[in-house]
PDB file of all heavy atoms in Angstrom:
ATOM      1  N   LYS A   1      -2.128 -15.259   5.446  1.00  0.00           N
ATOM      2  CA  LYS A   1      -0.713 -15.502   5.120  1.00  0.00           C
ATOM      3  C   LYS A   1      -0.445 -16.986   4.944  1.00  0.00           C
ATOM      4  O   LYS A   1       0.264 -17.409   4.024  1.00  0.00           O
ATOM      5  CB  LYS A   1       0.181 -14.917   6.217  1.00  0.00           C
ATOM      6  CG  LYS A   1       0.238 -13.397   6.241  1.00  0.00           C
ATOM      7  CD  LYS A   1       1.204 -12.894   7.309  1.00  0.00           C
ATOM      8  CE  LYS A   1       1.331 -11.377   7.257  1.00  0.00           C
ATOM      9  NZ  LYS A   1       2.287 -10.863   8.266  1.00  0.00           N
ATOM     10  N   ARG A   2      -1.006 -17.794   5.835  1.00  0.00           N
ATOM     11  CA  ARG A   2      -0.785 -19.236   5.788  1.00  0.00           C
ATOM     12  C   ARG A   2      -1.360 -19.861   4.515  1.00  0.00           C
ATOM     13  O   ARG A   2      -0.704 -20.668   3.855  1.00  0.00           O
ATOM     14  CB  ARG A   2      -1.443 -19.879   7.012  1.00  0.00           C
ATOM     15  CG  ARG A   2      -1.351 -21.400   7.075  1.00  0.00           C
ATOM     16  CD  ARG A   2      -2.332 -21.940   8.091  1.00  0.00           C
ATOM     17  NE  ARG A   2      -3.721 -21.711   7.669  1.00  0.00           N
ATOM     18  CZ  ARG A   2      -4.748 -21.630   8.500  1.00  0.00           C
ATOM     19  NH1 ARG A   2      -4.561 -21.720   9.810  1.00  0.00           N
ATOM     20  NH2 ARG A   2      -5.974 -21.424   8.026  1.00  0.00           N
ATOM     21  N   ASP A   3      -2.582 -19.478   4.149  1.00  0.00           N
ATOM     22  CA  ASP A   3      -3.277 -20.146   3.050  1.00  0.00           C
ATOM     23  C   ASP A   3      -2.950 -19.575   1.675  1.00  0.00           C
ATOM     24  O   ASP A   3      -3.060 -20.287   0.671  1.00  0.00           O
ATOM     25  CB  ASP A   3      -4.791 -20.075   3.281  1.00  0.00           C
ATOM     26  CG  ASP A   3      -5.235 -20.880   4.489  1.00  0.00           C
ATOM     27  OD1 ASP A   3      -4.420 -21.665   5.019  1.00  0.00           O
ATOM     28  OD2 ASP A   3      -6.402 -20.714   4.916  1.00  0.00           O
ATOM     29  N   PHE A   4      -2.550 -18.289   1.628  1.00  0.00           N
ATOM     30  CA  PHE A   4      -2.347 -17.659   0.318  1.00  0.00           C
ATOM     31  C   PHE A   4      -1.021 -16.911   0.181  1.00  0.00           C
ATOM     32  O   PHE A   4      -0.783 -16.271  -0.842  1.00  0.00           O
ATOM     33  CB  PHE A   4      -3.503 -16.683   0.023  1.00  0.00           C
ATOM     34  CG  PHE A   4      -4.839 -17.352  -0.084  1.00  0.00           C
ATOM     35  CD1 PHE A   4      -5.720 -17.338   0.987  1.00  0.00           C
ATOM     36  CD2 PHE A   4      -5.218 -18.011  -1.243  1.00  0.00           C
ATOM     37  CE1 PHE A   4      -6.959 -17.948   0.910  1.00  0.00           C
ATOM     38  CE2 PHE A   4      -6.454 -18.633  -1.338  1.00  0.00           C
ATOM     39  CZ  PHE A   4      -7.332 -18.606  -0.257  1.00  0.00           C
ATOM     40  N   GLY A   5      -0.187 -16.954   1.203  1.00  0.00           N
ATOM     41  CA  GLY A   5       1.065 -16.216   1.129  1.00  0.00           C
ATOM     42  C   GLY A   5       0.860 -14.717   1.085  1.00  0.00           C
ATOM     43  O   GLY A   5       1.695 -13.979   0.539  1.00  0.00           O
ATOM     44  N   TYR A   6      -0.222 -14.245   1.666  1.00  0.00           N
ATOM     45  CA  TYR A   6      -0.546 -12.815   1.670  1.00  0.00           C
ATOM     46  C   TYR A   6       0.531 -12.031   2.409  1.00  0.00           C
ATOM     47  O   TYR A   6       0.954 -12.400   3.500  1.00  0.00           O
ATOM     48  CB  TYR A   6      -1.897 -12.620   2.349  1.00  0.00           C
ATOM     49  CG  TYR A   6      -2.330 -11.185   2.551  1.00  0.00           C
ATOM     50  CD1 TYR A   6      -2.684 -10.377   1.469  1.00  0.00           C
ATOM     51  CD2 TYR A   6      -2.414 -10.641   3.832  1.00  0.00           C
ATOM     52  CE1 TYR A   6      -3.109  -9.071   1.665  1.00  0.00           C
ATOM     53  CE2 TYR A   6      -2.843  -9.335   4.034  1.00  0.00           C
ATOM     54  CZ  TYR A   6      -3.179  -8.555   2.949  1.00  0.00           C
ATOM     55  OH  TYR A   6      -3.601  -7.259   3.138  1.00  0.00           O
ATOM     56  N   ASN A   7       0.991 -10.946   1.783  1.00  0.00           N
ATOM     57  CA  ASN A   7       2.088 -10.181   2.376  1.00  0.00           C
ATOM     58  C   ASN A   7       1.940  -8.698   2.060  1.00  0.00           C
ATOM     59  O   ASN A   7       2.574  -8.183   1.130  1.00  0.00           O
ATOM     60  CB  ASN A   7       3.440 -10.697   1.858  1.00  0.00           C
ATOM     61  CG  ASN A   7       4.607  -9.966   2.484  1.00  0.00           C
ATOM     62  OD1 ASN A   7       4.556  -9.570   3.646  1.00  0.00           O
ATOM     63  ND2 ASN A   7       5.672  -9.775   1.714  1.00  0.00           N
ATOM     64  N   PRO A   8       1.104  -7.968   2.817  1.00  0.00           N
ATOM     65  CA  PRO A   8       0.969  -6.525   2.571  1.00  0.00           C
ATOM     66  C   PRO A   8       2.277  -5.815   2.876  1.00  0.00           C
ATOM     67  O   PRO A   8       2.860  -6.008   3.942  1.00  0.00           O
ATOM     68  CB  PRO A   8      -0.132  -6.105   3.548  1.00  0.00           C
ATOM     69  CG  PRO A   8      -0.063  -7.123   4.649  1.00  0.00           C
ATOM     70  CD  PRO A   8       0.340  -8.410   3.995  1.00  0.00           C
ATOM     71  N   ASN A   9       2.767  -5.029   1.928  1.00  0.00           N
ATOM     72  CA  ASN A   9       4.103  -4.438   2.121  1.00  0.00           C
ATOM     73  C   ASN A   9       4.189  -2.974   1.706  1.00  0.00           C
ATOM     74  O   ASN A   9       5.290  -2.471   1.457  1.00  0.00           O
ATOM     75  CB  ASN A   9       5.153  -5.253   1.348  1.00  0.00           C
ATOM     76  CG  ASN A   9       4.833  -5.384  -0.127  1.00  0.00           C
ATOM     77  OD1 ASN A   9       4.007  -4.645  -0.657  1.00  0.00           O
ATOM     78  ND2 ASN A   9       5.471  -6.336  -0.791  1.00  0.00           N
ATOM     79  N   THR A  10       3.052  -2.272   1.640  1.00  0.00           N
ATOM     80  CA  THR A  10       3.075  -0.859   1.269  1.00  0.00           C
ATOM     81  C   THR A  10       3.042  -0.003   2.532  1.00  0.00           C
ATOM     82  O   THR A  10       2.042   0.008   3.246  1.00  0.00           O
ATOM     83  CB  THR A  10       1.877  -0.495   0.380  1.00  0.00           C
ATOM     84  OG1 THR A  10       1.809  -1.390  -0.730  1.00  0.00           O
ATOM     85  CG2 THR A  10       1.995   0.944  -0.112  1.00  0.00           C
ATOM     86  N   PRO A  11       4.123   0.726   2.830  1.00  0.00           N
ATOM     87  CA  PRO A  11       4.105   1.616   4.004  1.00  0.00           C
ATOM     88  C   PRO A  11       3.007   2.663   3.871  1.00  0.00           C
ATOM     89  O   PRO A  11       2.718   3.141   2.765  1.00  0.00           O
ATOM     90  CB  PRO A  11       5.500   2.260   3.973  1.00  0.00           C
ATOM     91  CG  PRO A  11       6.338   1.355   3.123  1.00  0.00           C
ATOM     92  CD  PRO A  11       5.407   0.766   2.114  1.00  0.00           C
ATOM     93  N   VAL A  12       2.404   3.028   4.984  1.00  0.00           N
ATOM     94  CA  VAL A  12       1.282   3.960   4.955  1.00  0.00           C
ATOM     95  C   VAL A  12       1.674   5.287   4.314  1.00  0.00           C
ATOM     96  O   VAL A  12       0.926   5.845   3.494  1.00  0.00           O
ATOM     97  CB  VAL A  12       0.711   4.177   6.371  1.00  0.00           C
ATOM     98  CG1 VAL A  12      -0.252   5.356   6.396  1.00  0.00           C
ATOM     99  CG2 VAL A  12      -0.005   2.920   6.847  1.00  0.00           C
ATOM    100  N   GLU A  13       2.840   5.813   4.646  1.00  0.00           N
ATOM    101  CA  GLU A  13       3.231   7.113   4.083  1.00  0.00           C
ATOM    102  C   GLU A  13       3.391   7.034   2.567  1.00  0.00           C
ATOM    103  O   GLU A  13       3.042   7.968   1.843  1.00  0.00           O
ATOM    104  CB  GLU A  13       4.512   7.623   4.747  1.00  0.00           C
ATOM    105  CG  GLU A  13       4.835   9.052   4.367  1.00  0.00           C
ATOM    106  CD  GLU A  13       5.365   9.881   5.533  1.00  0.00           C
ATOM    107  OE1 GLU A  13       5.319   9.422   6.689  1.00  0.00           O
ATOM    108  OE2 GLU A  13       5.811  11.005   5.277  1.00  0.00           O
ATOM    109  N   GLU A  14       3.913   5.904   2.069  1.00  0.00           N
ATOM    110  CA  GLU A  14       4.037   5.726   0.625  1.00  0.00           C
ATOM    111  C   GLU A  14       2.660   5.622  -0.022  1.00  0.00           C
ATOM    112  O   GLU A  14       2.425   6.189  -1.095  1.00  0.00           O
ATOM    113  CB  GLU A  14       4.857   4.476   0.317  1.00  0.00           C
ATOM    114  CG  GLU A  14       4.970   4.141  -1.170  1.00  0.00           C
ATOM    115  CD  GLU A  14       5.610   5.246  -1.997  1.00  0.00           C
ATOM    116  OE1 GLU A  14       6.409   6.034  -1.441  1.00  0.00           O
ATOM    117  OE2 GLU A  14       5.311   5.333  -3.207  1.00  0.00           O
ATOM    118  N   GLY A  15       1.745   4.916   0.621  1.00  0.00           N
ATOM    119  CA  GLY A  15       0.393   4.814   0.087  1.00  0.00           C
ATOM    120  C   GLY A  15      -0.302   6.160   0.037  1.00  0.00           C
ATOM    121  O   GLY A  15      -0.994   6.479  -0.937  1.00  0.00           O
ATOM    122  N   ILE A  16      -0.119   6.963   1.080  1.00  0.00           N
ATOM    123  CA  ILE A  16      -0.695   8.310   1.094  1.00  0.00           C
ATOM    124  C   ILE A  16      -0.098   9.146  -0.031  1.00  0.00           C
ATOM    125  O   ILE A  16      -0.806   9.878  -0.732  1.00  0.00           O
ATOM    126  CB  ILE A  16      -0.457   8.988   2.461  1.00  0.00           C
ATOM    127  CG1 ILE A  16      -1.232   8.263   3.559  1.00  0.00           C
ATOM    128  CG2 ILE A  16      -0.866  10.465   2.402  1.00  0.00           C
ATOM    129  CD1 ILE A  16      -0.910   8.756   4.956  1.00  0.00           C
ATOM    130  N   ARG A  17       1.212   9.029  -0.220  1.00  0.00           N
ATOM    131  CA  ARG A  17       1.872   9.813  -1.272  1.00  0.00           C
ATOM    132  C   ARG A  17       1.285   9.481  -2.654  1.00  0.00           C
ATOM    133  O   ARG A  17       1.013  10.368  -3.467  1.00  0.00           O
ATOM    134  CB  ARG A  17       3.383   9.521  -1.260  1.00  0.00           C
ATOM    135  CG  ARG A  17       4.182  10.400  -2.220  1.00  0.00           C
ATOM    136  CD  ARG A  17       5.677  10.065  -2.145  1.00  0.00           C
ATOM    137  NE  ARG A  17       6.158  10.093  -0.776  1.00  0.00           N
ATOM    138  CZ  ARG A  17       6.474  11.196  -0.112  1.00  0.00           C
ATOM    139  NH1 ARG A  17       6.328  12.373  -0.710  1.00  0.00           N
ATOM    140  NH2 ARG A  17       6.901  11.141   1.127  1.00  0.00           N
ATOM    141  N   ARG A  18       1.054   8.198  -2.907  1.00  0.00           N
ATOM    142  CA  ARG A  18       0.489   7.793  -4.199  1.00  0.00           C
ATOM    143  C   ARG A  18      -0.932   8.326  -4.360  1.00  0.00           C
ATOM    144  O   ARG A  18      -1.328   8.736  -5.450  1.00  0.00           O
ATOM    145  CB  ARG A  18       0.502   6.269  -4.319  1.00  0.00           C
ATOM    146  CG  ARG A  18       1.900   5.667  -4.375  1.00  0.00           C
ATOM    147  CD  ARG A  18       1.815   4.148  -4.411  1.00  0.00           C
ATOM    148  NE  ARG A  18       3.114   3.524  -4.181  1.00  0.00           N
ATOM    149  CZ  ARG A  18       3.298   2.212  -4.063  1.00  0.00           C
ATOM    150  NH1 ARG A  18       2.263   1.386  -4.158  1.00  0.00           N
ATOM    151  NH2 ARG A  18       4.515   1.719  -3.844  1.00  0.00           N
ATOM    152  N   PHE A  19      -1.696   8.317  -3.263  1.00  0.00           N
ATOM    153  CA  PHE A  19      -3.049   8.864  -3.342  1.00  0.00           C
ATOM    154  C   PHE A  19      -3.012  10.357  -3.643  1.00  0.00           C
ATOM    155  O   PHE A  19      -3.770  10.846  -4.499  1.00  0.00           O
ATOM    156  CB  PHE A  19      -3.811   8.630  -2.033  1.00  0.00           C
ATOM    157  CG  PHE A  19      -5.116   9.389  -1.989  1.00  0.00           C
ATOM    158  CD1 PHE A  19      -6.249   8.882  -2.613  1.00  0.00           C
ATOM    159  CD2 PHE A  19      -5.200  10.635  -1.374  1.00  0.00           C
ATOM    160  CE1 PHE A  19      -7.440   9.592  -2.601  1.00  0.00           C
ATOM    161  CE2 PHE A  19      -6.387  11.349  -1.357  1.00  0.00           C
ATOM    162  CZ  PHE A  19      -7.516  10.827  -1.979  1.00  0.00           C
ATOM    163  N   VAL A  20      -2.161  11.086  -2.938  1.00  0.00           N
ATOM    164  CA  VAL A  20      -2.092  12.535  -3.122  1.00  0.00           C
ATOM    165  C   VAL A  20      -1.672  12.869  -4.556  1.00  0.00           C
ATOM    166  O   VAL A  20      -2.211  13.805  -5.170  1.00  0.00           O
ATOM    167  CB  VAL A  20      -1.130  13.170  -2.097  1.00  0.00           C
ATOM    168  CG1 VAL A  20      -0.827  14.622  -2.465  1.00  0.00           C
ATOM    169  CG2 VAL A  20      -1.740  13.101  -0.694  1.00  0.00           C
ATOM    170  N   GLU A  21      -0.730  12.121  -5.097  1.00  0.00           N
ATOM    171  CA  GLU A  21      -0.325  12.348  -6.496  1.00  0.00           C
ATOM    172  C   GLU A  21      -1.507  12.154  -7.435  1.00  0.00           C
ATOM    173  O   GLU A  21      -1.720  12.949  -8.359  1.00  0.00           O
ATOM    174  CB  GLU A  21       0.817  11.396  -6.864  1.00  0.00           C
ATOM    175  CG  GLU A  21       2.138  11.740  -6.199  1.00  0.00           C
ATOM    176  CD  GLU A  21       3.213  10.693  -6.464  1.00  0.00           C
ATOM    177  OE1 GLU A  21       2.881   9.646  -7.091  1.00  0.00           O
ATOM    178  OE2 GLU A  21       4.364  10.903  -6.047  1.00  0.00           O
ATOM    179  N   TRP A  22      -2.281  11.087  -7.202  1.00  0.00           N
ATOM    180  CA  TRP A  22      -3.469  10.870  -8.034  1.00  0.00           C
ATOM    181  C   TRP A  22      -4.470  12.002  -7.842  1.00  0.00           C
ATOM    182  O   TRP A  22      -5.017  12.520  -8.821  1.00  0.00           O
ATOM    183  CB  TRP A  22      -4.144   9.532  -7.677  1.00  0.00           C
ATOM    184  CG  TRP A  22      -5.516   9.457  -8.273  1.00  0.00           C
ATOM    185  CD1 TRP A  22      -5.828   9.132  -9.554  1.00  0.00           C
ATOM    186  CD2 TRP A  22      -6.755   9.804  -7.628  1.00  0.00           C
ATOM    187  NE1 TRP A  22      -7.192   9.235  -9.758  1.00  0.00           N
ATOM    188  CE2 TRP A  22      -7.783   9.650  -8.588  1.00  0.00           C
ATOM    189  CE3 TRP A  22      -7.091  10.226  -6.342  1.00  0.00           C
ATOM    190  CZ2 TRP A  22      -9.122   9.895  -8.292  1.00  0.00           C
ATOM    191  CZ3 TRP A  22      -8.428  10.471  -6.034  1.00  0.00           C
ATOM    192  CH2 TRP A  22      -9.426  10.307  -7.010  1.00  0.00           C
ATOM    193  N   TYR A  23      -4.718  12.387  -6.598  1.00  0.00           N
ATOM    194  CA  TYR A  23      -5.716  13.411  -6.298  1.00  0.00           C
ATOM    195  C   TYR A  23      -5.370  14.727  -6.984  1.00  0.00           C
ATOM    196  O   TYR A  23      -6.225  15.367  -7.614  1.00  0.00           O
ATOM    197  CB  TYR A  23      -5.815  13.612  -4.780  1.00  0.00           C
ATOM    198  CG  TYR A  23      -6.908  14.570  -4.356  1.00  0.00           C
ATOM    199  CD1 TYR A  23      -8.166  14.097  -3.995  1.00  0.00           C
ATOM    200  CD2 TYR A  23      -6.688  15.952  -4.319  1.00  0.00           C
ATOM    201  CE1 TYR A  23      -9.180  14.971  -3.605  1.00  0.00           C
ATOM    202  CE2 TYR A  23      -7.687  16.824  -3.940  1.00  0.00           C
ATOM    203  CZ  TYR A  23      -8.936  16.336  -3.586  1.00  0.00           C
ATOM    204  OH  TYR A  23      -9.928  17.207  -3.224  1.00  0.00           O
ATOM    205  N   ARG A  24      -4.107  15.148  -6.875  1.00  0.00           N
ATOM    206  CA  ARG A  24      -3.696  16.406  -7.495  1.00  0.00           C
ATOM    207  C   ARG A  24      -3.849  16.338  -9.012  1.00  0.00           C
ATOM    208  O   ARG A  24      -4.251  17.319  -9.656  1.00  0.00           O
ATOM    209  CB  ARG A  24      -2.243  16.714  -7.121  1.00  0.00           C
ATOM    210  CG  ARG A  24      -2.065  17.198  -5.674  1.00  0.00           C
ATOM    211  CD  ARG A  24      -0.622  17.650  -5.473  1.00  0.00           C
ATOM    212  NE  ARG A  24      -0.342  18.168  -4.152  1.00  0.00           N
ATOM    213  CZ  ARG A  24      -0.602  19.406  -3.748  1.00  0.00           C
ATOM    214  NH1 ARG A  24      -1.191  20.243  -4.582  1.00  0.00           N
ATOM    215  NH2 ARG A  24      -0.300  19.798  -2.529  1.00  0.00           N
TER     216      ARG A  24
END
């Protein structure tokens, strides 16, 4: 975060939902 402004902001449930949509 300090060196690159890294900011992970994807909630786990939303990430799972996107995976499931792709999988189906």
